[in-house]
Protein backbone atom coordinates (compact mmCIF):
# COMPACT_ATOMS: atom_id res chain seq x y z
CA UNK A 1 0.00 0.00 0.00
CA UNK A 2 1.23 3.50 -0.81
CA UNK A 3 0.99 6.19 1.84
CA UNK A 4 1.83 9.84 2.31
CA UNK A 5 3.46 10.92 5.55
CA UNK A 6 4.51 14.04 7.40
CA UNK A 7 7.15 13.71 10.11
CA UNK A 8 8.79 16.11 12.55
CA UNK A 9 11.63 15.29 14.91
CA UNK A 10 12.27 17.18 18.13
CA UNK A 11 15.47 16.47 20.08
CA UNK A 12 14.79 17.31 23.74
CA UNK A 13 17.09 19.55 25.83
CA UNK A 14 19.88 19.66 23.26
CA UNK A 15 21.78 22.83 22.51
CA UNK A 16 22.60 21.52 19.06
CA UNK A 17 19.18 20.38 17.89
CA UNK A 18 19.92 20.83 14.17
CA UNK A 19 22.47 18.02 13.83
CA UNK A 20 20.11 15.24 15.02
CA UNK A 21 17.39 16.57 12.70
CA UNK A 22 19.82 16.76 9.76
CA UNK A 23 20.98 13.19 10.50
CA UNK A 24 17.36 11.99 10.70
CA UNK A 25 16.55 13.47 7.29
CA UNK A 26 19.79 12.12 5.81
CA UNK A 27 18.86 8.64 7.04
CA UNK A 28 15.48 8.85 5.31
CA UNK A 29 17.16 9.94 2.08
CA UNK A 30 19.77 7.16 2.36
CA UNK A 31 16.89 4.69 2.48
CA UNK A 32 15.73 6.18 -0.84
CA UNK A 33 12.50 7.66 0.49
CA UNK A 34 10.79 10.27 -1.65
CA UNK A 35 10.89 13.21 0.80
CA UNK A 36 10.61 16.99 0.64
CA UNK A 37 11.98 18.97 3.58
CA UNK A 38 9.99 21.98 4.76
CA UNK A 39 10.65 24.46 7.57
CA UNK A 40 8.83 22.48 10.26
CA UNK A 41 8.39 18.98 8.85
CA UNK A 42 9.39 16.52 6.18
CA UNK A 43 6.76 15.14 3.80
CA UNK A 44 7.07 12.03 1.68
CA UNK A 45 5.24 9.20 0.01
CA UNK A 46 5.73 5.65 -1.15
CA UNK A 47 5.40 2.06 -0.01
CA UNK A 48 4.16 1.79 3.59
CA UNK A 49 6.50 -1.04 4.61
CA UNK A 50 9.56 0.76 3.24
CA UNK A 51 8.54 4.03 4.90
CA UNK A 52 7.83 2.53 8.32
CA UNK A 53 11.10 0.57 8.25
CA UNK A 54 13.07 3.71 7.35
CA UNK A 55 11.29 5.85 9.96
CA UNK A 56 11.93 3.24 12.66
CA UNK A 57 15.63 3.06 11.80
CA UNK A 58 16.01 6.85 11.69
CA UNK A 59 14.09 7.37 14.94
CA UNK A 60 16.04 4.72 16.85
CA UNK A 61 19.29 6.28 15.68
CA UNK A 62 18.16 9.75 16.77
CA UNK A 63 16.88 8.52 20.13
CA UNK A 64 20.21 6.82 20.84
CA UNK A 65 21.68 10.35 20.91
CA UNK A 66 19.25 11.53 23.59
CA UNK A 67 15.59 12.08 24.39
CA UNK A 68 13.67 12.63 21.17
CA UNK A 69 10.06 13.20 20.13
CA UNK A 70 8.84 12.18 16.68
CA UNK A 71 5.45 13.37 15.45
CA UNK A 72 4.09 11.39 12.50
CA UNK A 73 0.97 11.76 10.38
CA UNK A 74 0.12 9.03 7.86
CA UNK A 75 -2.61 8.94 5.23
CA UNK A 76 -3.43 6.34 2.60
CA UNK A 77 -5.80 8.56 0.60
CA UNK A 78 -3.98 11.85 0.24
CA UNK A 79 -5.45 14.43 -2.14
CA UNK A 80 -3.94 14.74 -5.59
CA UNK A 81 -1.89 17.77 -6.66
CA UNK A 82 -4.91 19.11 -8.58
CA UNK A 83 -7.19 18.73 -5.55
CA UNK A 84 -4.66 20.55 -3.36
CA UNK A 85 -4.37 23.37 -5.89
CA UNK A 86 -8.15 23.86 -5.76
CA UNK A 87 -8.16 23.84 -1.94
CA UNK A 88 -5.26 26.30 -1.74
CA UNK A 89 -6.72 28.79 -4.21
CA UNK A 90 -10.24 29.17 -2.84
PDB file of N, CA and C in Angstrom:
ATOM      1  N   UNK A   1       0.836  -1.167   0.000  1.00  0.00           N
ATOM      2  CA  UNK A   1       0.000   0.000   0.000  1.00  0.00           C
ATOM      3  C   UNK A   1       0.890   1.242   0.000  1.00  0.00           C
ATOM      4  N   UNK A   2       0.516   2.222  -0.802  1.00  0.00           N
ATOM      5  CA  UNK A   2       1.230   3.496  -0.809  1.00  0.00           C
ATOM      6  C   UNK A   2       0.591   4.442   0.203  1.00  0.00           C
ATOM      7  N   UNK A   3       1.445   5.213   0.857  1.00  0.00           N
ATOM      8  CA  UNK A   3       0.986   6.186   1.836  1.00  0.00           C
ATOM      9  C   UNK A   3       1.724   7.504   1.630  1.00  0.00           C
ATOM     10  N   UNK A   4       1.164   8.542   2.211  1.00  0.00           N
ATOM     11  CA  UNK A   4       1.829   9.837   2.309  1.00  0.00           C
ATOM     12  C   UNK A   4       2.035  10.094   3.791  1.00  0.00           C
ATOM     13  N   UNK A   5       3.188  10.671   4.140  1.00  0.00           N
ATOM     14  CA  UNK A   5       3.464  10.922   5.549  1.00  0.00           C
ATOM     15  C   UNK A   5       4.060  12.304   5.747  1.00  0.00           C
ATOM     16  N   UNK A   6       3.885  12.801   6.958  1.00  0.00           N
ATOM     17  CA  UNK A   6       4.513  14.037   7.402  1.00  0.00           C
ATOM     18  C   UNK A   6       5.154  13.721   8.743  1.00  0.00           C
ATOM     19  N   UNK A   7       6.431  14.039   8.884  1.00  0.00           N
ATOM     20  CA  UNK A   7       7.146  13.710  10.111  1.00  0.00           C
ATOM     21  C   UNK A   7       7.944  14.921  10.594  1.00  0.00           C
ATOM     22  N   UNK A   8       7.961  15.094  11.908  1.00  0.00           N
ATOM     23  CA  UNK A   8       8.787  16.112  12.549  1.00  0.00           C
ATOM     24  C   UNK A   8       9.544  15.452  13.680  1.00  0.00           C
ATOM     25  N   UNK A   9      10.797  15.828  13.852  1.00  0.00           N
ATOM     26  CA  UNK A   9      11.632  15.286  14.914  1.00  0.00           C
ATOM     27  C   UNK A   9      12.044  16.418  15.839  1.00  0.00           C
ATOM     28  N   UNK A  10      11.933  16.167  17.131  1.00  0.00           N
ATOM     29  CA  UNK A  10      12.267  17.177  18.133  1.00  0.00           C
ATOM     30  C   UNK A  10      13.228  16.597  19.164  1.00  0.00           C
ATOM     31  N   UNK A  11      14.526  16.871  19.037  1.00  0.00           N
ATOM     32  CA  UNK A  11      15.470  16.472  20.081  1.00  0.00           C
ATOM     33  C   UNK A  11      15.178  17.301  21.340  1.00  0.00           C
ATOM     34  N   UNK A  12      15.147  16.654  22.484  1.00  0.00           N
ATOM     35  CA  UNK A  12      14.794  17.314  23.739  1.00  0.00           C
ATOM     36  C   UNK A  12      16.057  17.764  24.480  1.00  0.00           C
ATOM     37  N   UNK A  13      16.034  19.001  24.972  1.00  0.00           N
ATOM     38  CA  UNK A  13      17.091  19.549  25.831  1.00  0.00           C
ATOM     39  C   UNK A  13      18.481  19.415  25.213  1.00  0.00           C
ATOM     40  N   UNK A  14      18.572  19.689  23.928  1.00  0.00           N
ATOM     41  CA  UNK A  14      19.878  19.656  23.263  1.00  0.00           C
ATOM     42  C   UNK A  14      20.177  21.052  22.733  1.00  0.00           C
ATOM     43  N   UNK A  15      21.367  21.540  23.053  1.00  0.00           N
ATOM     44  CA  UNK A  15      21.777  22.834  22.511  1.00  0.00           C
ATOM     45  C   UNK A  15      21.853  22.770  20.990  1.00  0.00           C
ATOM     46  N   UNK A  16      22.493  21.721  20.508  1.00  0.00           N
ATOM     47  CA  UNK A  16      22.603  21.521  19.061  1.00  0.00           C
ATOM     48  C   UNK A  16      21.476  20.593  18.613  1.00  0.00           C
ATOM     49  N   UNK A  17      20.328  21.184  18.318  1.00  0.00           N
ATOM     50  CA  UNK A  17      19.181  20.383  17.889  1.00  0.00           C
ATOM     51  C   UNK A  17      19.183  20.150  16.378  1.00  0.00           C
ATOM     52  N   UNK A  18      19.938  20.949  15.629  1.00  0.00           N
ATOM     53  CA  UNK A  18      19.923  20.832  14.170  1.00  0.00           C
ATOM     54  C   UNK A  18      20.620  19.562  13.679  1.00  0.00           C
ATOM     55  N   UNK A  19      21.719  19.197  14.296  1.00  0.00           N
ATOM     56  CA  UNK A  19      22.470  18.022  13.830  1.00  0.00           C
ATOM     57  C   UNK A  19      21.637  16.740  13.900  1.00  0.00           C
ATOM     58  N   UNK A  20      20.939  16.448  15.014  1.00  0.00           N
ATOM     59  CA  UNK A  20      20.105  15.241  15.016  1.00  0.00           C
ATOM     60  C   UNK A  20      19.002  15.272  13.959  1.00  0.00           C
ATOM     61  N   UNK A  21      18.433  16.454  13.721  1.00  0.00           N
ATOM     62  CA  UNK A  21      17.390  16.570  12.698  1.00  0.00           C
ATOM     63  C   UNK A  21      17.991  16.340  11.312  1.00  0.00           C
ATOM     64  N   UNK A  22      19.137  16.951  11.047  1.00  0.00           N
ATOM     65  CA  UNK A  22      19.817  16.755   9.757  1.00  0.00           C
ATOM     66  C   UNK A  22      20.162  15.280   9.544  1.00  0.00           C
ATOM     67  N   UNK A  23      20.639  14.610  10.599  1.00  0.00           N
ATOM     68  CA  UNK A  23      20.982  13.185  10.503  1.00  0.00           C
ATOM     69  C   UNK A  23      19.744  12.334  10.257  1.00  0.00           C
ATOM     70  N   UNK A  24      18.630  12.694  10.893  1.00  0.00           N
ATOM     71  CA  UNK A  24      17.362  11.988  10.703  1.00  0.00           C
ATOM     72  C   UNK A  24      16.914  12.072   9.243  1.00  0.00           C
ATOM     73  N   UNK A  25      16.946  13.275   8.696  1.00  0.00           N
ATOM     74  CA  UNK A  25      16.550  13.469   7.292  1.00  0.00           C
ATOM     75  C   UNK A  25      17.510  12.748   6.355  1.00  0.00           C
ATOM     76  N   UNK A  26      18.799  12.814   6.636  1.00  0.00           N
ATOM     77  CA  UNK A  26      19.790  12.117   5.809  1.00  0.00           C
ATOM     78  C   UNK A  26      19.532  10.615   5.810  1.00  0.00           C
ATOM     79  N   UNK A  27      19.157  10.073   6.957  1.00  0.00           N
ATOM     80  CA  UNK A  27      18.862   8.641   7.043  1.00  0.00           C
ATOM     81  C   UNK A  27      17.672   8.271   6.158  1.00  0.00           C
ATOM     82  N   UNK A  28      16.644   9.112   6.169  1.00  0.00           N
ATOM     83  CA  UNK A  28      15.477   8.846   5.314  1.00  0.00           C
ATOM     84  C   UNK A  28      15.872   8.869   3.841  1.00  0.00           C
ATOM     85  N   UNK A  29      16.711   9.835   3.471  1.00  0.00           N
ATOM     86  CA  UNK A  29      17.156   9.938   2.077  1.00  0.00           C
ATOM     87  C   UNK A  29      18.064   8.772   1.694  1.00  0.00           C
ATOM     88  N   UNK A  30      18.907   8.316   2.632  1.00  0.00           N
ATOM     89  CA  UNK A  30      19.775   7.165   2.365  1.00  0.00           C
ATOM     90  C   UNK A  30      18.954   5.914   2.090  1.00  0.00           C
ATOM     91  N   UNK A  31      17.776   5.829   2.714  1.00  0.00           N
ATOM     92  CA  UNK A  31      16.886   4.693   2.480  1.00  0.00           C
ATOM     93  C   UNK A  31      16.014   4.897   1.241  1.00  0.00           C
ATOM     94  N   UNK A  32      16.370   5.906   0.457  1.00  0.00           N
ATOM     95  CA  UNK A  32      15.727   6.184  -0.839  1.00  0.00           C
ATOM     96  C   UNK A  32      14.242   6.529  -0.722  1.00  0.00           C
ATOM     97  N   UNK A  33      13.877   7.196   0.384  1.00  0.00           N
ATOM     98  CA  UNK A  33      12.500   7.662   0.487  1.00  0.00           C
ATOM     99  C   UNK A  33      12.334   8.933  -0.328  1.00  0.00           C
ATOM    100  N   UNK A  34      11.157   9.083  -0.897  1.00  0.00           N
ATOM    101  CA  UNK A  34      10.790  10.271  -1.655  1.00  0.00           C
ATOM    102  C   UNK A  34      10.323  11.311  -0.644  1.00  0.00           C
ATOM    103  N   UNK A  35      11.231  12.228  -0.221  1.00  0.00           N
ATOM    104  CA  UNK A  35      10.893  13.213   0.800  1.00  0.00           C
ATOM    105  C   UNK A  35      11.184  14.630   0.330  1.00  0.00           C
ATOM    106  N   UNK A  36      10.399  15.560   0.861  1.00  0.00           N
ATOM    107  CA  UNK A  36      10.613  16.988   0.642  1.00  0.00           C
ATOM    108  C   UNK A  36      10.690  17.624   2.027  1.00  0.00           C
ATOM    109  N   UNK A  37      11.770  18.343   2.283  1.00  0.00           N
ATOM    110  CA  UNK A  37      11.984  18.973   3.582  1.00  0.00           C
ATOM    111  C   UNK A  37      11.387  20.382   3.565  1.00  0.00           C
ATOM    112  N   UNK A  38      10.579  20.656   4.570  1.00  0.00           N
ATOM    113  CA  UNK A  38       9.990  21.977   4.764  1.00  0.00           C
ATOM    114  C   UNK A  38      10.540  22.574   6.059  1.00  0.00           C
ATOM    115  N   UNK A  39      10.129  23.770   6.386  1.00  0.00           N
ATOM    116  CA  UNK A  39      10.652  24.456   7.572  1.00  0.00           C
ATOM    117  C   UNK A  39      10.378  23.704   8.872  1.00  0.00           C
ATOM    118  N   UNK A  40       9.208  23.112   8.998  1.00  0.00           N
ATOM    119  CA  UNK A  40       8.829  22.481  10.264  1.00  0.00           C
ATOM    120  C   UNK A  40       8.562  20.983  10.183  1.00  0.00           C
ATOM    121  N   UNK A  41       8.634  20.417   8.991  1.00  0.00           N
ATOM    122  CA  UNK A  41       8.390  18.985   8.850  1.00  0.00           C
ATOM    123  C   UNK A  41       8.951  18.487   7.528  1.00  0.00           C
ATOM    124  N   UNK A  42       8.971  17.178   7.413  1.00  0.00           N
ATOM    125  CA  UNK A  42       9.388  16.516   6.180  1.00  0.00           C
ATOM    126  C   UNK A  42       8.205  15.708   5.684  1.00  0.00           C
ATOM    127  N   UNK A  43       7.905  15.818   4.402  1.00  0.00           N
ATOM    128  CA  UNK A  43       6.759  15.137   3.804  1.00  0.00           C
ATOM    129  C   UNK A  43       7.266  14.180   2.740  1.00  0.00           C
ATOM    130  N   UNK A  44       6.657  13.002   2.676  1.00  0.00           N
ATOM    131  CA  UNK A  44       7.071  12.026   1.682  1.00  0.00           C
ATOM    132  C   UNK A  44       5.951  11.067   1.343  1.00  0.00           C
ATOM    133  N   UNK A  45       6.237  10.189   0.410  1.00  0.00           N
ATOM    134  CA  UNK A  45       5.245   9.197   0.008  1.00  0.00           C
ATOM    135  C   UNK A  45       5.947   7.982  -0.558  1.00  0.00           C
ATOM    136  N   UNK A  46       5.192   6.886  -0.596  1.00  0.00           N
ATOM    137  CA  UNK A  46       5.728   5.651  -1.149  1.00  0.00           C
ATOM    138  C   UNK A  46       5.135   4.444  -0.460  1.00  0.00           C
ATOM    139  N   UNK A  47       5.838   3.326  -0.563  1.00  0.00           N
ATOM    140  CA  UNK A  47       5.396   2.060  -0.006  1.00  0.00           C
ATOM    141  C   UNK A  47       5.420   2.099   1.523  1.00  0.00           C
ATOM    142  N   UNK A  48       4.307   1.704   2.138  1.00  0.00           N
ATOM    143  CA  UNK A  48       4.160   1.786   3.591  1.00  0.00           C
ATOM    144  C   UNK A  48       5.239   0.994   4.330  1.00  0.00           C
ATOM    145  N   UNK A  49       5.506  -0.230   3.912  1.00  0.00           N
ATOM    146  CA  UNK A  49       6.503  -1.043   4.608  1.00  0.00           C
ATOM    147  C   UNK A  49       7.880  -0.387   4.561  1.00  0.00           C
ATOM    148  N   UNK A  50       8.258   0.100   3.399  1.00  0.00           N
ATOM    149  CA  UNK A  50       9.558   0.758   3.242  1.00  0.00           C
ATOM    150  C   UNK A  50       9.639   2.018   4.111  1.00  0.00           C
ATOM    151  N   UNK A  51       8.560   2.792   4.125  1.00  0.00           N
ATOM    152  CA  UNK A  51       8.538   4.031   4.905  1.00  0.00           C
ATOM    153  C   UNK A  51       8.632   3.742   6.396  1.00  0.00           C
ATOM    154  N   UNK A  52       7.813   2.818   6.891  1.00  0.00           N
ATOM    155  CA  UNK A  52       7.833   2.530   8.321  1.00  0.00           C
ATOM    156  C   UNK A  52       9.181   1.949   8.766  1.00  0.00           C
ATOM    157  N   UNK A  53       9.777   1.111   7.925  1.00  0.00           N
ATOM    158  CA  UNK A  53      11.103   0.572   8.250  1.00  0.00           C
ATOM    159  C   UNK A  53      12.138   1.689   8.332  1.00  0.00           C
ATOM    160  N   UNK A  54      12.108   2.605   7.374  1.00  0.00           N
ATOM    161  CA  UNK A  54      13.073   3.712   7.355  1.00  0.00           C
ATOM    162  C   UNK A  54      12.853   4.662   8.526  1.00  0.00           C
ATOM    163  N   UNK A  55      11.591   4.971   8.837  1.00  0.00           N
ATOM    164  CA  UNK A  55      11.294   5.851   9.963  1.00  0.00           C
ATOM    165  C   UNK A  55      11.739   5.230  11.282  1.00  0.00           C
ATOM    166  N   UNK A  56      11.515   3.933  11.428  1.00  0.00           N
ATOM    167  CA  UNK A  56      11.932   3.244  12.655  1.00  0.00           C
ATOM    168  C   UNK A  56      13.443   3.325  12.815  1.00  0.00           C
ATOM    169  N   UNK A  57      14.165   3.020  11.747  1.00  0.00           N
ATOM    170  CA  UNK A  57      15.627   3.061  11.796  1.00  0.00           C
ATOM    171  C   UNK A  57      16.125   4.466  12.131  1.00  0.00           C
ATOM    172  N   UNK A  58      15.571   5.472  11.475  1.00  0.00           N
ATOM    173  CA  UNK A  58      16.009   6.855  11.688  1.00  0.00           C
ATOM    174  C   UNK A  58      15.665   7.328  13.095  1.00  0.00           C
ATOM    175  N   UNK A  59      14.486   6.964  13.593  1.00  0.00           N
ATOM    176  CA  UNK A  59      14.092   7.373  14.944  1.00  0.00           C
ATOM    177  C   UNK A  59      14.960   6.710  16.003  1.00  0.00           C
ATOM    178  N   UNK A  60      15.208   5.419  15.865  1.00  0.00           N
ATOM    179  CA  UNK A  60      16.037   4.724  16.852  1.00  0.00           C
ATOM    180  C   UNK A  60      17.439   5.315  16.887  1.00  0.00           C
ATOM    181  N   UNK A  61      17.973   5.650  15.736  1.00  0.00           N
ATOM    182  CA  UNK A  61      19.293   6.275  15.678  1.00  0.00           C
ATOM    183  C   UNK A  61      19.280   7.623  16.391  1.00  0.00           C
ATOM    184  N   UNK A  62      18.266   8.440  16.131  1.00  0.00           N
ATOM    185  CA  UNK A  62      18.162   9.754  16.771  1.00  0.00           C
ATOM    186  C   UNK A  62      17.974   9.616  18.274  1.00  0.00           C
ATOM    187  N   UNK A  63      17.155   8.667  18.698  1.00  0.00           N
ATOM    188  CA  UNK A  63      16.882   8.524  20.130  1.00  0.00           C
ATOM    189  C   UNK A  63      18.077   7.947  20.888  1.00  0.00           C
ATOM    190  N   UNK A  64      18.980   7.284  20.197  1.00  0.00           N
ATOM    191  CA  UNK A  64      20.214   6.824  20.843  1.00  0.00           C
ATOM    192  C   UNK A  64      21.112   7.989  21.229  1.00  0.00           C
ATOM    193  N   UNK A  65      20.888   9.150  20.616  1.00  0.00           N
ATOM    194  CA  UNK A  65      21.683  10.346  20.905  1.00  0.00           C
ATOM    195  C   UNK A  65      21.086  11.176  22.041  1.00  0.00           C
ATOM    196  N   UNK A  66      19.897  10.799  22.504  1.00  0.00           N
ATOM    197  CA  UNK A  66      19.248  11.533  23.588  1.00  0.00           C
ATOM    198  C   UNK A  66      17.739  11.487  23.442  1.00  0.00           C
ATOM    199  N   UNK A  67      17.053  12.077  24.412  1.00  0.00           N
ATOM    200  CA  UNK A  67      15.590  12.084  24.386  1.00  0.00           C
ATOM    201  C   UNK A  67      15.096  12.783  23.121  1.00  0.00           C
ATOM    202  N   UNK A  68      14.131  12.151  22.471  1.00  0.00           N
ATOM    203  CA  UNK A  68      13.667  12.631  21.168  1.00  0.00           C
ATOM    204  C   UNK A  68      12.175  12.373  21.002  1.00  0.00           C
ATOM    205  N   UNK A  69      11.465  13.355  20.470  1.00  0.00           N
ATOM    206  CA  UNK A  69      10.055  13.203  20.131  1.00  0.00           C
ATOM    207  C   UNK A  69       9.935  13.176  18.615  1.00  0.00           C
ATOM    208  N   UNK A  70       9.145  12.231  18.104  1.00  0.00           N
ATOM    209  CA  UNK A  70       8.837  12.183  16.677  1.00  0.00           C
ATOM    210  C   UNK A  70       7.322  12.276  16.535  1.00  0.00           C
ATOM    211  N   UNK A  71       6.871  13.221  15.727  1.00  0.00           N
ATOM    212  CA  UNK A  71       5.448  13.374  15.446  1.00  0.00           C
ATOM    213  C   UNK A  71       5.229  12.928  14.011  1.00  0.00           C
ATOM    214  N   UNK A  72       4.299  11.992  13.813  1.00  0.00           N
ATOM    215  CA  UNK A  72       4.094  11.386  12.499  1.00  0.00           C
ATOM    216  C   UNK A  72       2.613  11.389  12.146  1.00  0.00           C
ATOM    217  N   UNK A  73       2.316  11.837  10.935  1.00  0.00           N
ATOM    218  CA  UNK A  73       0.967  11.758  10.379  1.00  0.00           C
ATOM    219  C   UNK A  73       1.049  10.909   9.122  1.00  0.00           C
ATOM    220  N   UNK A  74       0.127   9.948   9.003  1.00  0.00           N
ATOM    221  CA  UNK A  74       0.124   9.034   7.860  1.00  0.00           C
ATOM    222  C   UNK A  74      -1.271   9.002   7.255  1.00  0.00           C
ATOM    223  N   UNK A  75      -1.326   9.027   5.928  1.00  0.00           N
ATOM    224  CA  UNK A  75      -2.613   8.938   5.233  1.00  0.00           C
ATOM    225  C   UNK A  75      -2.461   8.022   4.017  1.00  0.00           C
ATOM    226  N   UNK A  76      -3.476   7.216   3.774  1.00  0.00           N
ATOM    227  CA  UNK A  76      -3.428   6.344   2.599  1.00  0.00           C
ATOM    228  C   UNK A  76      -4.339   6.836   1.483  1.00  0.00           C
ATOM    229  N   UNK A  77      -4.939   8.005   1.647  1.00  0.00           N
ATOM    230  CA  UNK A  77      -5.804   8.557   0.603  1.00  0.00           C
ATOM    231  C   UNK A  77      -5.575  10.043   0.441  1.00  0.00           C
ATOM    232  N   UNK A  78      -4.318  10.429   0.328  1.00  0.00           N
ATOM    233  CA  UNK A  78      -3.982  11.851   0.236  1.00  0.00           C
ATOM    234  C   UNK A  78      -4.573  12.472  -1.031  1.00  0.00           C
ATOM    235  N   UNK A  79      -4.928  13.757  -0.955  1.00  0.00           N
ATOM    236  CA  UNK A  79      -5.451  14.433  -2.144  1.00  0.00           C
ATOM    237  C   UNK A  79      -4.387  14.529  -3.244  1.00  0.00           C
ATOM    238  N   UNK A  80      -4.851  14.585  -4.460  1.00  0.00           N
ATOM    239  CA  UNK A  80      -3.944  14.742  -5.594  1.00  0.00           C
ATOM    240  C   UNK A  80      -3.437  16.175  -5.659  1.00  0.00           C
ATOM    241  N   UNK A  81      -2.431  16.425  -6.468  1.00  0.00           N
ATOM    242  CA  UNK A  81      -1.885  17.772  -6.658  1.00  0.00           C
ATOM    243  C   UNK A  81      -2.987  18.722  -7.137  1.00  0.00           C
ATOM    244  N   UNK A  82      -3.824  18.273  -8.070  1.00  0.00           N
ATOM    245  CA  UNK A  82      -4.906  19.115  -8.581  1.00  0.00           C
ATOM    246  C   UNK A  82      -5.916  19.451  -7.482  1.00  0.00           C
ATOM    247  N   UNK A  83      -6.256  18.474  -6.643  1.00  0.00           N
ATOM    248  CA  UNK A  83      -7.194  18.727  -5.550  1.00  0.00           C
ATOM    249  C   UNK A  83      -6.610  19.726  -4.551  1.00  0.00           C
ATOM    250  N   UNK A  84      -5.319  19.608  -4.270  1.00  0.00           N
ATOM    251  CA  UNK A  84      -4.661  20.550  -3.363  1.00  0.00           C
ATOM    252  C   UNK A  84      -4.638  21.955  -3.946  1.00  0.00           C
ATOM    253  N   UNK A  85      -4.384  22.052  -5.242  1.00  0.00           N
ATOM    254  CA  UNK A  85      -4.374  23.366  -5.888  1.00  0.00           C
ATOM    255  C   UNK A  85      -5.731  24.052  -5.740  1.00  0.00           C
ATOM    256  N   UNK A  86      -6.805  23.310  -5.923  1.00  0.00           N
ATOM    257  CA  UNK A  86      -8.155  23.859  -5.761  1.00  0.00           C
ATOM    258  C   UNK A  86      -8.372  24.323  -4.328  1.00  0.00           C
ATOM    259  N   UNK A  87      -7.992  23.490  -3.354  1.00  0.00           N
ATOM    260  CA  UNK A  87      -8.163  23.840  -1.944  1.00  0.00           C
ATOM    261  C   UNK A  87      -7.344  25.077  -1.555  1.00  0.00           C
ATOM    262  N   UNK A  88      -6.155  25.205  -2.102  1.00  0.00           N
ATOM    263  CA  UNK A  88      -5.263  26.305  -1.738  1.00  0.00           C
ATOM    264  C   UNK A  88      -5.582  27.608  -2.444  1.00  0.00           C
ATOM    265  N   UNK A  89      -6.428  27.571  -3.449  1.00  0.00           N
ATOM    266  CA  UNK A  89      -6.725  28.785  -4.206  1.00  0.00           C
ATOM    267  C   UNK A  89      -8.194  29.200  -4.088  1.00  0.00           C
ATOM    268  N   UNK A  90      -8.834  28.770  -3.053  1.00  0.00           N
ATOM    269  CA  UNK A  90     -10.242  29.169  -2.837  1.00  0.00           C
ATOM    270  C   UNK A  90     -10.296  30.534  -2.248  1.00  0.00           C
TER     271      UNK A  90
END
